Amino acid sequence: MIKNSTFTFRLDSRIKKGLEIAAEKDRRSMASLLEKIIVDYLESQSINWESLENDNEE
């Protein structure tokens, strides 16, 4: 999977700290953990994200 999009957002510092702890426990970076959480959510909603058009493809 080519990672060619950036997404920035604000969140409560306690949530960030919790994500840091969870990422460390799972031996992942925070970015990798967030991607996993998002993909899991999309799949739980029956959204086939892999079949969507990639806006950044050349």
Foldseek 3Di string as FASTA:
>chain_A
DDDDDDDDDDDDVVVVVVLCVVCVVVVHDSVVVVVVVVVVVCVVVVNPVVPDDDPPDD
